[in-house]
């Protein structure tokens, strides 16, 4: 199994166990691939929910730029919902999993096909 496949399996496990969601495998692979080499960096693959700069980076670079959602209230609500879905007790969340949840929330899977 390649390193990439191991990461996808890890993120799938997180979605199933922490979010109670059975992911679309093809979409999860595509979203994970869009993360680039950051998935192989222990610090970069995680979003610390308590770090405003990290959360803002997720909002600006992924939700606004990649997904094209510009309404700040919608962006804030969706990111808060994704954090809640992953569980508030775990302050460190996989960026690829958060991104997958946001893609699903905004129905933007077509951007990754």
PDB file of N, CA and C in Angstrom:
ATOM      1  N   UNK A   1       0.851  -1.180   0.000  1.00  0.00           N
ATOM      2  CA  UNK A   1       0.000   0.000   0.000  1.00  0.00           C
ATOM      3  C   UNK A   1       0.895   1.240   0.000  1.00  0.00           C
ATOM      4  N   UNK A   2       0.600   2.166  -0.898  1.00  0.00           N
ATOM      5  CA  UNK A   2       1.401   3.392  -0.995  1.00  0.00           C
ATOM      6  C   UNK A   2       1.139   4.305   0.204  1.00  0.00           C
ATOM      7  N   UNK A   3       2.028   5.264   0.384  1.00  0.00           N
ATOM      8  CA  UNK A   3       1.840   6.247   1.459  1.00  0.00           C
ATOM      9  C   UNK A   3       0.523   6.993   1.273  1.00  0.00           C
ATOM     10  N   UNK A   4       0.219   7.342   0.037  1.00  0.00           N
ATOM     11  CA  UNK A   4      -1.027   8.050  -0.247  1.00  0.00           C
ATOM     12  C   UNK A   4      -2.230   7.192   0.153  1.00  0.00           C
ATOM     13  N   UNK A   5      -2.207   5.927  -0.215  1.00  0.00           N
ATOM     14  CA  UNK A   5      -3.305   5.024   0.136  1.00  0.00           C
ATOM     15  C   UNK A   5      -3.444   4.878   1.647  1.00  0.00           C
ATOM     16  N   UNK A   6      -2.325   4.888   2.347  1.00  0.00           N
ATOM     17  CA  UNK A   6      -2.368   4.813   3.812  1.00  0.00           C
ATOM     18  C   UNK A   6      -3.043   6.049   4.400  1.00  0.00           C
ATOM     19  N   UNK A   7      -2.732   7.212   3.845  1.00  0.00           N
ATOM     20  CA  UNK A   7      -3.355   8.448   4.321  1.00  0.00           C
ATOM     21  C   UNK A   7      -4.862   8.437   4.050  1.00  0.00           C
ATOM     22  N   UNK A   8      -5.250   8.030   2.852  1.00  0.00           N
ATOM     23  CA  UNK A   8      -6.676   7.965   2.517  1.00  0.00           C
ATOM     24  C   UNK A   8      -7.378   7.011   3.477  1.00  0.00           C
ATOM     25  N   UNK A   9      -6.769   5.870   3.766  1.00  0.00           N
ATOM     26  CA  UNK A   9      -7.362   4.904   4.702  1.00  0.00           C
ATOM     27  C   UNK A   9      -7.494   5.514   6.099  1.00  0.00           C
ATOM     28  N   UNK A  10      -6.493   6.282   6.527  1.00  0.00           N
ATOM     29  CA  UNK A  10      -6.542   6.952   7.823  1.00  0.00           C
ATOM     30  C   UNK A  10      -7.695   7.961   7.876  1.00  0.00           C
ATOM     31  N   UNK A  11      -7.839   8.738   6.821  1.00  0.00           N
ATOM     32  CA  UNK A  11      -8.899   9.743   6.784  1.00  0.00           C
ATOM     33  C   UNK A  11     -10.278   9.080   6.700  1.00  0.00           C
ATOM     34  N   UNK A  12     -10.368   7.984   5.962  1.00  0.00           N
ATOM     35  CA  UNK A  12     -11.630   7.250   5.874  1.00  0.00           C
ATOM     36  C   UNK A  12     -12.017   6.709   7.249  1.00  0.00           C
ATOM     37  N   UNK A  13     -11.046   6.154   7.948  1.00  0.00           N
ATOM     38  CA  UNK A  13     -11.288   5.646   9.297  1.00  0.00           C
ATOM     39  C   UNK A  13     -11.773   6.768  10.217  1.00  0.00           C
ATOM     40  N   UNK A  14     -11.163   7.931  10.106  1.00  0.00           N
ATOM     41  CA  UNK A  14     -11.565   9.078  10.917  1.00  0.00           C
ATOM     42  C   UNK A  14     -13.007   9.485  10.611  1.00  0.00           C
ATOM     43  N   UNK A  15     -13.361   9.518   9.332  1.00  0.00           N
ATOM     44  CA  UNK A  15     -14.730   9.877   8.953  1.00  0.00           C
ATOM     45  C   UNK A  15     -15.734   8.861   9.492  1.00  0.00           C
ATOM     46  N   UNK A  16     -15.389   7.591   9.418  1.00  0.00           N
ATOM     47  CA  UNK A  16     -16.303   6.546   9.883  1.00  0.00           C
ATOM     48  C   UNK A  16     -16.417   6.564  11.405  1.00  0.00           C
ATOM     49  N   UNK A  17     -15.277   6.582  12.090  1.00  0.00           N
ATOM     50  CA  UNK A  17     -15.284   6.452  13.546  1.00  0.00           C
ATOM     51  C   UNK A  17     -15.630   7.739  14.292  1.00  0.00           C
ATOM     52  N   UNK A  18     -15.115   8.870  13.833  1.00  0.00           N
ATOM     53  CA  UNK A  18     -15.338  10.124  14.559  1.00  0.00           C
ATOM     54  C   UNK A  18     -16.556  10.893  14.077  1.00  0.00           C
ATOM     55  N   UNK A  19     -16.888  10.735  12.800  1.00  0.00           N
ATOM     56  CA  UNK A  19     -17.978  11.527  12.221  1.00  0.00           C
ATOM     57  C   UNK A  19     -19.228  10.695  11.919  1.00  0.00           C
ATOM     58  N   UNK A  20     -19.086   9.366  12.028  1.00  0.00           N
ATOM     59  CA  UNK A  20     -20.196   8.465  11.713  1.00  0.00           C
ATOM     60  C   UNK A  20     -20.682   8.661  10.276  1.00  0.00           C
ATOM     61  N   UNK A  21     -19.703   8.834   9.365  1.00  0.00           N
ATOM     62  CA  UNK A  21     -19.988   9.064   7.951  1.00  0.00           C
ATOM     63  C   UNK A  21     -19.219   8.036   7.134  1.00  0.00           C
ATOM     64  N   UNK A  22     -19.914   7.385   6.216  1.00  0.00           N
ATOM     65  CA  UNK A  22     -19.243   6.509   5.268  1.00  0.00           C
ATOM     66  C   UNK A  22     -18.956   7.349   4.034  1.00  0.00           C
ATOM     67  N   UNK A  23     -17.677   7.648   3.792  1.00  0.00           N
ATOM     68  CA  UNK A  23     -17.339   8.577   2.709  1.00  0.00           C
ATOM     69  C   UNK A  23     -17.432   7.950   1.324  1.00  0.00           C
ATOM     70  N   UNK A  24     -17.583   8.814   0.350  1.00  0.00           N
ATOM     71  CA  UNK A  24     -17.457   8.436  -1.050  1.00  0.00           C
ATOM     72  C   UNK A  24     -15.952   8.294  -1.287  1.00  0.00           C
ATOM     73  N   UNK A  25     -15.503   7.077  -1.561  1.00  0.00           N
ATOM     74  CA  UNK A  25     -14.063   6.816  -1.674  1.00  0.00           C
ATOM     75  C   UNK A  25     -13.391   7.654  -2.756  1.00  0.00           C
ATOM     76  N   UNK A  26     -14.024   7.762  -3.909  1.00  0.00           N
ATOM     77  CA  UNK A  26     -13.423   8.522  -5.007  1.00  0.00           C
ATOM     78  C   UNK A  26     -13.290   9.998  -4.640  1.00  0.00           C
ATOM     79  N   UNK A  27     -14.312  10.548  -4.011  1.00  0.00           N
ATOM     80  CA  UNK A  27     -14.256  11.951  -3.603  1.00  0.00           C
ATOM     81  C   UNK A  27     -13.206  12.154  -2.521  1.00  0.00           C
ATOM     82  N   UNK A  28     -13.145  11.254  -1.554  1.00  0.00           N
ATOM     83  CA  UNK A  28     -12.141  11.378  -0.495  1.00  0.00           C
ATOM     84  C   UNK A  28     -10.732  11.332  -1.091  1.00  0.00           C
ATOM     85  N   UNK A  29     -10.502  10.443  -2.047  1.00  0.00           N
ATOM     86  CA  UNK A  29      -9.198  10.371  -2.705  1.00  0.00           C
ATOM     87  C   UNK A  29      -8.886  11.678  -3.439  1.00  0.00           C
ATOM     88  N   UNK A  30      -9.881  12.212  -4.137  1.00  0.00           N
ATOM     89  CA  UNK A  30      -9.672  13.446  -4.899  1.00  0.00           C
ATOM     90  C   UNK A  30      -9.401  14.636  -3.978  1.00  0.00           C
ATOM     91  N   UNK A  31     -10.156  14.741  -2.899  1.00  0.00           N
ATOM     92  CA  UNK A  31      -9.950  15.838  -1.947  1.00  0.00           C
ATOM     93  C   UNK A  31      -8.572  15.692  -1.297  1.00  0.00           C
ATOM     94  N   UNK A  32      -8.221  14.472  -0.923  1.00  0.00           N
ATOM     95  CA  UNK A  32      -6.914  14.233  -0.310  1.00  0.00           C
ATOM     96  C   UNK A  32      -5.793  14.586  -1.284  1.00  0.00           C
ATOM     97  N   UNK A  33      -5.941  14.198  -2.537  1.00  0.00           N
ATOM     98  CA  UNK A  33      -4.927  14.521  -3.549  1.00  0.00           C
ATOM     99  C   UNK A  33      -4.765  16.029  -3.697  1.00  0.00           C
ATOM    100  N   UNK A  34      -5.876  16.759  -3.575  1.00  0.00           N
ATOM    101  CA  UNK A  34      -5.816  18.218  -3.719  1.00  0.00           C
ATOM    102  C   UNK A  34      -5.045  18.887  -2.576  1.00  0.00           C
ATOM    103  N   UNK A  35      -4.824  18.162  -1.493  1.00  0.00           N
ATOM    104  CA  UNK A  35      -4.072  18.689  -0.356  1.00  0.00           C
ATOM    105  C   UNK A  35      -2.572  18.720  -0.657  1.00  0.00           C
ATOM    106  N   UNK A  36      -2.168  18.004  -1.702  1.00  0.00           N
ATOM    107  CA  UNK A  36      -0.763  17.984  -2.078  1.00  0.00           C
ATOM    108  C   UNK A  36       0.120  17.336  -1.031  1.00  0.00           C
ATOM    109  N   UNK A  37       1.379  17.730  -0.996  1.00  0.00           N
ATOM    110  CA  UNK A  37       2.327  17.089  -0.077  1.00  0.00           C
ATOM    111  C   UNK A  37       2.070  17.414   1.401  1.00  0.00           C
ATOM    112  N   UNK A  38       1.171  18.325   1.687  1.00  0.00           N
ATOM    113  CA  UNK A  38       0.910  18.679   3.092  1.00  0.00           C
ATOM    114  C   UNK A  38       0.418  17.482   3.904  1.00  0.00           C
ATOM    115  N   UNK A  39      -0.188  16.491   3.237  1.00  0.00           N
ATOM    116  CA  UNK A  39      -0.693  15.333   3.985  1.00  0.00           C
ATOM    117  C   UNK A  39       0.432  14.496   4.584  1.00  0.00           C
ATOM    118  N   UNK A  40       1.650  14.675   4.090  1.00  0.00           N
ATOM    119  CA  UNK A  40       2.795  13.911   4.589  1.00  0.00           C
ATOM    120  C   UNK A  40       3.569  14.654   5.678  1.00  0.00           C
ATOM    121  N   UNK A  41       3.131  15.843   6.008  1.00  0.00           N
ATOM    122  CA  UNK A  41       3.763  16.654   7.047  1.00  0.00           C
ATOM    123  C   UNK A  41       2.849  16.633   8.266  1.00  0.00           C
ATOM    124  N   UNK A  42       3.344  16.107   9.382  1.00  0.00           N
ATOM    125  CA  UNK A  42       2.511  15.938  10.573  1.00  0.00           C
ATOM    126  C   UNK A  42       1.854  17.228  11.043  1.00  0.00           C
ATOM    127  N   UNK A  43       2.547  18.338  10.917  1.00  0.00           N
ATOM    128  CA  UNK A  43       1.975  19.609  11.355  1.00  0.00           C
ATOM    129  C   UNK A  43       0.979  20.157  10.331  1.00  0.00           C
ATOM    130  N   UNK A  44       1.324  20.071   9.061  1.00  0.00           N
ATOM    131  CA  UNK A  44       0.479  20.651   8.012  1.00  0.00           C
ATOM    132  C   UNK A  44      -0.807  19.864   7.772  1.00  0.00           C
ATOM    133  N   UNK A  45      -0.813  18.567   8.072  1.00  0.00           N
ATOM    134  CA  UNK A  45      -2.018  17.774   7.800  1.00  0.00           C
ATOM    135  C   UNK A  45      -3.095  17.984   8.856  1.00  0.00           C
ATOM    136  N   UNK A  46      -2.761  18.712   9.916  1.00  0.00           N
ATOM    137  CA  UNK A  46      -3.676  18.945  11.034  1.00  0.00           C
ATOM    138  C   UNK A  46      -4.098  20.415  11.081  1.00  0.00           C
ATOM    139  N   UNK A  47      -5.354  20.637  11.421  1.00  0.00           N
ATOM    140  CA  UNK A  47      -5.837  21.983  11.701  1.00  0.00           C
ATOM    141  C   UNK A  47      -6.133  22.022  13.197  1.00  0.00           C
ATOM    142  N   UNK A  48      -5.469  22.902  13.903  1.00  0.00           N
ATOM    143  CA  UNK A  48      -5.726  23.072  15.334  1.00  0.00           C
ATOM    144  C   UNK A  48      -6.912  24.013  15.472  1.00  0.00           C
ATOM    145  N   UNK A  49      -8.012  23.489  15.958  1.00  0.00           N
ATOM    146  CA  UNK A  49      -9.251  24.260  16.048  1.00  0.00           C
ATOM    147  C   UNK A  49      -9.106  25.506  16.923  1.00  0.00           C
ATOM    148  N   UNK A  50      -8.187  25.478  17.851  1.00  0.00           N
ATOM    149  CA  UNK A  50      -8.006  26.615  18.760  1.00  0.00           C
ATOM    150  C   UNK A  50      -7.097  27.699  18.196  1.00  0.00           C
ATOM    151  N   UNK A  51      -6.448  27.420  17.068  1.00  0.00           N
ATOM    152  CA  UNK A  51      -5.542  28.385  16.451  1.00  0.00           C
ATOM    153  C   UNK A  51      -6.279  29.179  15.374  1.00  0.00           C
ATOM    154  N   UNK A  52      -6.590  30.437  15.684  1.00  0.00           N
ATOM    155  CA  UNK A  52      -7.367  31.259  14.754  1.00  0.00           C
ATOM    156  C   UNK A  52      -6.706  31.378  13.376  1.00  0.00           C
ATOM    157  N   UNK A  53      -5.381  31.493  13.340  1.00  0.00           N
ATOM    158  CA  UNK A  53      -4.680  31.616  12.059  1.00  0.00           C
ATOM    159  C   UNK A  53      -4.888  30.382  11.192  1.00  0.00           C
ATOM    160  N   UNK A  54      -4.838  29.196  11.802  1.00  0.00           N
ATOM    161  CA  UNK A  54      -5.030  27.961  11.047  1.00  0.00           C
ATOM    162  C   UNK A  54      -6.462  27.847  10.528  1.00  0.00           C
ATOM    163  N   UNK A  55      -7.410  28.215  11.364  1.00  0.00           N
ATOM    164  CA  UNK A  55      -8.811  28.158  10.962  1.00  0.00           C
ATOM    165  C   UNK A  55      -9.070  29.169   9.844  1.00  0.00           C
ATOM    166  N   UNK A  56      -8.498  30.352   9.970  1.00  0.00           N
ATOM    167  CA  UNK A  56      -8.658  31.366   8.922  1.00  0.00           C
ATOM    168  C   UNK A  56      -8.022  30.924   7.605  1.00  0.00           C
ATOM    169  N   UNK A  57      -6.887  30.231   7.684  1.00  0.00           N
ATOM    170  CA  UNK A  57      -6.254  29.710   6.472  1.00  0.00           C
ATOM    171  C   UNK A  57      -7.176  28.711   5.786  1.00  0.00           C
ATOM    172  N   UNK A  58      -7.796  27.828   6.555  1.00  0.00           N
ATOM    173  CA  UNK A  58      -8.748  26.869   6.004  1.00  0.00           C
ATOM    174  C   UNK A  58      -9.901  27.609   5.314  1.00  0.00           C
ATOM    175  N   UNK A  59     -10.424  28.609   5.975  1.00  0.00           N
ATOM    176  CA  UNK A  59     -11.546  29.374   5.414  1.00  0.00           C
ATOM    177  C   UNK A  59     -11.145  30.097   4.137  1.00  0.00           C
ATOM    178  N   UNK A  60     -10.030  30.803   4.181  1.00  0.00           N
ATOM    179  CA  UNK A  60      -9.611  31.625   3.045  1.00  0.00           C
ATOM    180  C   UNK A  60      -9.114  30.794   1.860  1.00  0.00           C
ATOM    181  N   UNK A  61      -8.202  29.869   2.137  1.00  0.00           N
ATOM    182  CA  UNK A  61      -7.547  29.143   1.047  1.00  0.00           C
ATOM    183  C   UNK A  61      -8.362  27.981   0.509  1.00  0.00           C
ATOM    184  N   UNK A  62      -9.162  27.354   1.352  1.00  0.00           N
ATOM    185  CA  UNK A  62      -9.925  26.217   0.853  1.00  0.00           C
ATOM    186  C   UNK A  62     -11.366  26.605   0.532  1.00  0.00           C
ATOM    187  N   UNK A  63     -12.075  27.107   1.526  1.00  0.00           N
ATOM    188  CA  UNK A  63     -13.508  27.367   1.313  1.00  0.00           C
ATOM    189  C   UNK A  63     -13.727  28.497   0.319  1.00  0.00           C
ATOM    190  N   UNK A  64     -13.020  29.597   0.501  1.00  0.00           N
ATOM    191  CA  UNK A  64     -13.246  30.744  -0.374  1.00  0.00           C
ATOM    192  C   UNK A  64     -12.578  30.579  -1.739  1.00  0.00           C
ATOM    193  N   UNK A  65     -11.284  30.251  -1.740  1.00  0.00           N
ATOM    194  CA  UNK A  65     -10.570  30.182  -3.014  1.00  0.00           C
ATOM    195  C   UNK A  65     -10.878  28.911  -3.794  1.00  0.00           C
ATOM    196  N   UNK A  66     -10.790  27.755  -3.146  1.00  0.00           N
ATOM    197  CA  UNK A  66     -10.949  26.499  -3.877  1.00  0.00           C
ATOM    198  C   UNK A  66     -12.420  26.174  -4.136  1.00  0.00           C
ATOM    199  N   UNK A  67     -13.277  26.404  -3.134  1.00  0.00           N
ATOM    200  CA  UNK A  67     -14.696  26.066  -3.307  1.00  0.00           C
ATOM    201  C   UNK A  67     -15.515  27.225  -3.862  1.00  0.00           C
ATOM    202  N   UNK A  68     -14.987  28.431  -3.759  1.00  0.00           N
ATOM    203  CA  UNK A  68     -15.671  29.591  -4.321  1.00  0.00           C
ATOM    204  C   UNK A  68     -16.811  30.134  -3.480  1.00  0.00           C
ATOM    205  N   UNK A  69     -16.817  29.829  -2.198  1.00  0.00           N
ATOM    206  CA  UNK A  69     -17.865  30.327  -1.298  1.00  0.00           C
ATOM    207  C   UNK A  69     -17.350  31.619  -0.671  1.00  0.00           C
ATOM    208  N   UNK A  70     -18.051  32.717  -0.902  1.00  0.00           N
ATOM    209  CA  UNK A  70     -17.549  34.009  -0.435  1.00  0.00           C
ATOM    210  C   UNK A  70     -18.359  34.629   0.699  1.00  0.00           C
ATOM    211  N   UNK A  71     -19.561  34.134   0.948  1.00  0.00           N
ATOM    212  CA  UNK A  71     -20.385  34.670   2.037  1.00  0.00           C
ATOM    213  C   UNK A  71     -19.764  34.265   3.372  1.00  0.00           C
ATOM    214  N   UNK A  72     -19.239  35.239   4.107  1.00  0.00           N
ATOM    215  CA  UNK A  72     -18.506  34.951   5.340  1.00  0.00           C
ATOM    216  C   UNK A  72     -19.353  34.204   6.363  1.00  0.00           C
ATOM    217  N   UNK A  73     -20.616  34.561   6.486  1.00  0.00           N
ATOM    218  CA  UNK A  73     -21.478  33.875   7.457  1.00  0.00           C
ATOM    219  C   UNK A  73     -21.645  32.401   7.094  1.00  0.00           C
ATOM    220  N   UNK A  74     -21.792  32.109   5.807  1.00  0.00           N
ATOM    221  CA  UNK A  74     -21.905  30.718   5.356  1.00  0.00           C
ATOM    222  C   UNK A  74     -20.603  29.961   5.609  1.00  0.00           C
ATOM    223  N   UNK A  75     -19.502  30.609   5.327  1.00  0.00           N
ATOM    224  CA  UNK A  75     -18.186  29.988   5.539  1.00  0.00           C
ATOM    225  C   UNK A  75     -17.994  29.666   7.014  1.00  0.00           C
ATOM    226  N   UNK A  76     -18.249  30.645   7.881  1.00  0.00           N
ATOM    227  CA  UNK A  76     -18.088  30.450   9.323  1.00  0.00           C
ATOM    228  C   UNK A  76     -18.972  29.320   9.834  1.00  0.00           C
ATOM    229  N   UNK A  77     -20.236  29.317   9.423  1.00  0.00           N
ATOM    230  CA  UNK A  77     -21.182  28.295   9.883  1.00  0.00           C
ATOM    231  C   UNK A  77     -20.763  26.902   9.421  1.00  0.00           C
ATOM    232  N   UNK A  78     -20.313  26.793   8.166  1.00  0.00           N
ATOM    233  CA  UNK A  78     -19.910  25.495   7.630  1.00  0.00           C
ATOM    234  C   UNK A  78     -18.663  24.960   8.336  1.00  0.00           C
ATOM    235  N   UNK A  79     -17.693  25.821   8.584  1.00  0.00           N
ATOM    236  CA  UNK A  79     -16.477  25.395   9.273  1.00  0.00           C
ATOM    237  C   UNK A  79     -16.807  24.990  10.709  1.00  0.00           C
ATOM    238  N   UNK A  80     -17.653  25.757  11.388  1.00  0.00           N
ATOM    239  CA  UNK A  80     -18.073  25.398  12.745  1.00  0.00           C
ATOM    240  C   UNK A  80     -18.778  24.045  12.754  1.00  0.00           C
ATOM    241  N   UNK A  81     -19.629  23.816  11.762  1.00  0.00           N
ATOM    242  CA  UNK A  81     -20.349  22.542  11.659  1.00  0.00           C
ATOM    243  C   UNK A  81     -19.372  21.389  11.420  1.00  0.00           C
ATOM    244  N   UNK A  82     -18.380  21.592  10.548  1.00  0.00           N
ATOM    245  CA  UNK A  82     -17.387  20.555  10.279  1.00  0.00           C
ATOM    246  C   UNK A  82     -16.591  20.224  11.542  1.00  0.00           C
ATOM    247  N   UNK A  83     -16.196  21.256  12.295  1.00  0.00           N
ATOM    248  CA  UNK A  83     -15.485  21.017  13.554  1.00  0.00           C
ATOM    249  C   UNK A  83     -16.368  20.239  14.522  1.00  0.00           C
ATOM    250  N   UNK A  84     -17.638  20.605  14.630  1.00  0.00           N
ATOM    251  CA  UNK A  84     -18.558  19.908  15.534  1.00  0.00           C
ATOM    252  C   UNK A  84     -18.753  18.457  15.098  1.00  0.00           C
ATOM    253  N   UNK A  85     -18.850  18.227  13.797  1.00  0.00           N
ATOM    254  CA  UNK A  85     -19.025  16.869  13.282  1.00  0.00           C
ATOM    255  C   UNK A  85     -17.836  15.990  13.649  1.00  0.00           C
ATOM    256  N   UNK A  86     -16.646  16.570  13.626  1.00  0.00           N
ATOM    257  CA  UNK A  86     -15.443  15.803  13.971  1.00  0.00           C
ATOM    258  C   UNK A  86     -15.280  15.639  15.480  1.00  0.00           C
ATOM    259  N   UNK A  87     -16.028  16.392  16.257  1.00  0.00           N
ATOM    260  CA  UNK A  87     -15.969  16.267  17.710  1.00  0.00           C
ATOM    261  C   UNK A  87     -15.149  17.370  18.343  1.00  0.00           C
ATOM    262  N   UNK A  88     -15.771  18.094  19.230  1.00  0.00           N
ATOM    263  CA  UNK A  88     -15.094  19.218  19.864  1.00  0.00           C
ATOM    264  C   UNK A  88     -14.026  18.776  20.857  1.00  0.00           C
ATOM    265  N   UNK A  89     -14.098  17.525  21.338  1.00  0.00           N
ATOM    266  CA  UNK A  89     -13.124  17.073  22.330  1.00  0.00           C
ATOM    267  C   UNK A  89     -11.729  16.886  21.741  1.00  0.00           C
ATOM    268  N   UNK A  90     -11.641  16.725  20.428  1.00  0.00           N
ATOM    269  CA  UNK A  90     -10.347  16.571  19.771  1.00  0.00           C
ATOM    270  C   UNK A  90      -9.985  17.887  19.085  1.00  0.00           C
ATOM    271  N   UNK A  91      -9.054  18.654  19.650  1.00  0.00           N
ATOM    272  CA  UNK A  91      -8.742  19.966  19.087  1.00  0.00           C
ATOM    273  C   UNK A  91      -7.928  19.900  17.788  1.00  0.00           C
ATOM    274  N   UNK A  92      -7.318  18.743  17.498  1.00  0.00           N
ATOM    275  CA  UNK A  92      -6.499  18.594  16.291  1.00  0.00           C
ATOM    276  C   UNK A  92      -7.263  17.740  15.288  1.00  0.00           C
ATOM    277  N   UNK A  93      -7.543  18.328  14.133  1.00  0.00           N
ATOM    278  CA  UNK A  93      -8.369  17.659  13.137  1.00  0.00           C
ATOM    279  C   UNK A  93      -7.643  17.568  11.800  1.00  0.00           C
ATOM    280  N   UNK A  94      -7.826  16.426  11.124  1.00  0.00           N
ATOM    281  CA  UNK A  94      -7.182  16.253   9.824  1.00  0.00           C
ATOM    282  C   UNK A  94      -7.742  17.242   8.811  1.00  0.00           C
ATOM    283  N   UNK A  95      -6.848  17.967   8.157  1.00  0.00           N
ATOM    284  CA  UNK A  95      -7.238  18.958   7.149  1.00  0.00           C
ATOM    285  C   UNK A  95      -8.028  18.313   6.002  1.00  0.00           C
ATOM    286  N   UNK A  96      -7.610  17.134   5.560  1.00  0.00           N
ATOM    287  CA  UNK A  96      -8.302  16.459   4.459  1.00  0.00           C
ATOM    288  C   UNK A  96      -9.721  16.053   4.854  1.00  0.00           C
ATOM    289  N   UNK A  97      -9.907  15.652   6.103  1.00  0.00           N
ATOM    290  CA  UNK A  97     -11.241  15.266   6.572  1.00  0.00           C
ATOM    291  C   UNK A  97     -12.137  16.498   6.660  1.00  0.00           C
ATOM    292  N   UNK A  98     -11.612  17.577   7.220  1.00  0.00           N
ATOM    293  CA  UNK A  98     -12.379  18.830   7.268  1.00  0.00           C
ATOM    294  C   UNK A  98     -12.749  19.279   5.859  1.00  0.00           C
ATOM    295  N   UNK A  99     -11.791  19.196   4.961  1.00  0.00           N
ATOM    296  CA  UNK A  99     -12.042  19.613   3.583  1.00  0.00           C
ATOM    297  C   UNK A  99     -13.107  18.740   2.936  1.00  0.00           C
ATOM    298  N   UNK A 100     -13.050  17.449   3.173  1.00  0.00           N
ATOM    299  CA  UNK A 100     -14.069  16.532   2.639  1.00  0.00           C
ATOM    300  C   UNK A 100     -15.452  16.938   3.157  1.00  0.00           C
ATOM    301  N   UNK A 101     -15.552  17.193   4.455  1.00  0.00           N
ATOM    302  CA  UNK A 101     -16.841  17.587   5.045  1.00  0.00           C
ATOM    303  C   UNK A 101     -17.348  18.891   4.426  1.00  0.00           C
ATOM    304  N   UNK A 102     -16.449  19.825   4.178  1.00  0.00           N
ATOM    305  CA  UNK A 102     -16.842  21.110   3.590  1.00  0.00           C
ATOM    306  C   UNK A 102     -17.272  20.941   2.132  1.00  0.00           C
ATOM    307  N   UNK A 103     -16.587  20.096   1.392  1.00  0.00           N
ATOM    308  CA  UNK A 103     -16.979  19.813   0.005  1.00  0.00           C
ATOM    309  C   UNK A 103     -18.391  19.226  -0.011  1.00  0.00           C
ATOM    310  N   UNK A 104     -18.648  18.298   0.888  1.00  0.00           N
ATOM    311  CA  UNK A 104     -19.980  17.690   0.965  1.00  0.00           C
ATOM    312  C   UNK A 104     -21.026  18.730   1.375  1.00  0.00           C
ATOM    313  N   UNK A 105     -20.695  19.536   2.364  1.00  0.00           N
ATOM    314  CA  UNK A 105     -21.635  20.543   2.863  1.00  0.00           C
ATOM    315  C   UNK A 105     -22.069  21.506   1.751  1.00  0.00           C
ATOM    316  N   UNK A 106     -21.120  21.957   0.977  1.00  0.00           N
ATOM    317  CA  UNK A 106     -21.411  22.931  -0.077  1.00  0.00           C
ATOM    318  C   UNK A 106     -21.751  22.275  -1.419  1.00  0.00           C
ATOM    319  N   UNK A 107     -21.824  20.954  -1.441  1.00  0.00           N
ATOM    320  CA  UNK A 107     -22.172  20.212  -2.663  1.00  0.00           C
ATOM    321  C   UNK A 107     -21.247  20.608  -3.819  1.00  0.00           C
ATOM    322  N   UNK A 108     -19.952  20.549  -3.544  1.00  0.00           N
ATOM    323  CA  UNK A 108     -18.940  20.957  -4.535  1.00  0.00           C
ATOM    324  C   UNK A 108     -18.095  19.789  -5.031  1.00  0.00           C
ATOM    325  N   UNK A 109     -18.636  18.576  -4.957  1.00  0.00           N
ATOM    326  CA  UNK A 109     -17.893  17.399  -5.408  1.00  0.00           C
ATOM    327  C   UNK A 109     -17.479  17.508  -6.866  1.00  0.00           C
ATOM    328  N   UNK A 110     -18.248  18.209  -7.653  1.00  0.00           N
ATOM    329  CA  UNK A 110     -17.934  18.338  -9.082  1.00  0.00           C
ATOM    330  C   UNK A 110     -16.586  19.016  -9.327  1.00  0.00           C
ATOM    331  N   UNK A 111     -16.103  19.797  -8.359  1.00  0.00           N
ATOM    332  CA  UNK A 111     -14.807  20.443  -8.494  1.00  0.00           C
ATOM    333  C   UNK A 111     -13.651  19.453  -8.393  1.00  0.00           C
ATOM    334  N   UNK A 112     -13.940  18.247  -7.914  1.00  0.00           N
ATOM    335  CA  UNK A 112     -12.890  17.252  -7.660  1.00  0.00           C
ATOM    336  C   UNK A 112     -13.022  16.017  -8.537  1.00  0.00           C
ATOM    337  N   UNK A 113     -13.820  16.100  -9.588  1.00  0.00           N
ATOM    338  CA  UNK A 113     -14.005  14.911 -10.447  1.00  0.00           C
ATOM    339  C   UNK A 113     -13.211  15.037 -11.722  1.00  0.00           C
TER     340      UNK A 113
END
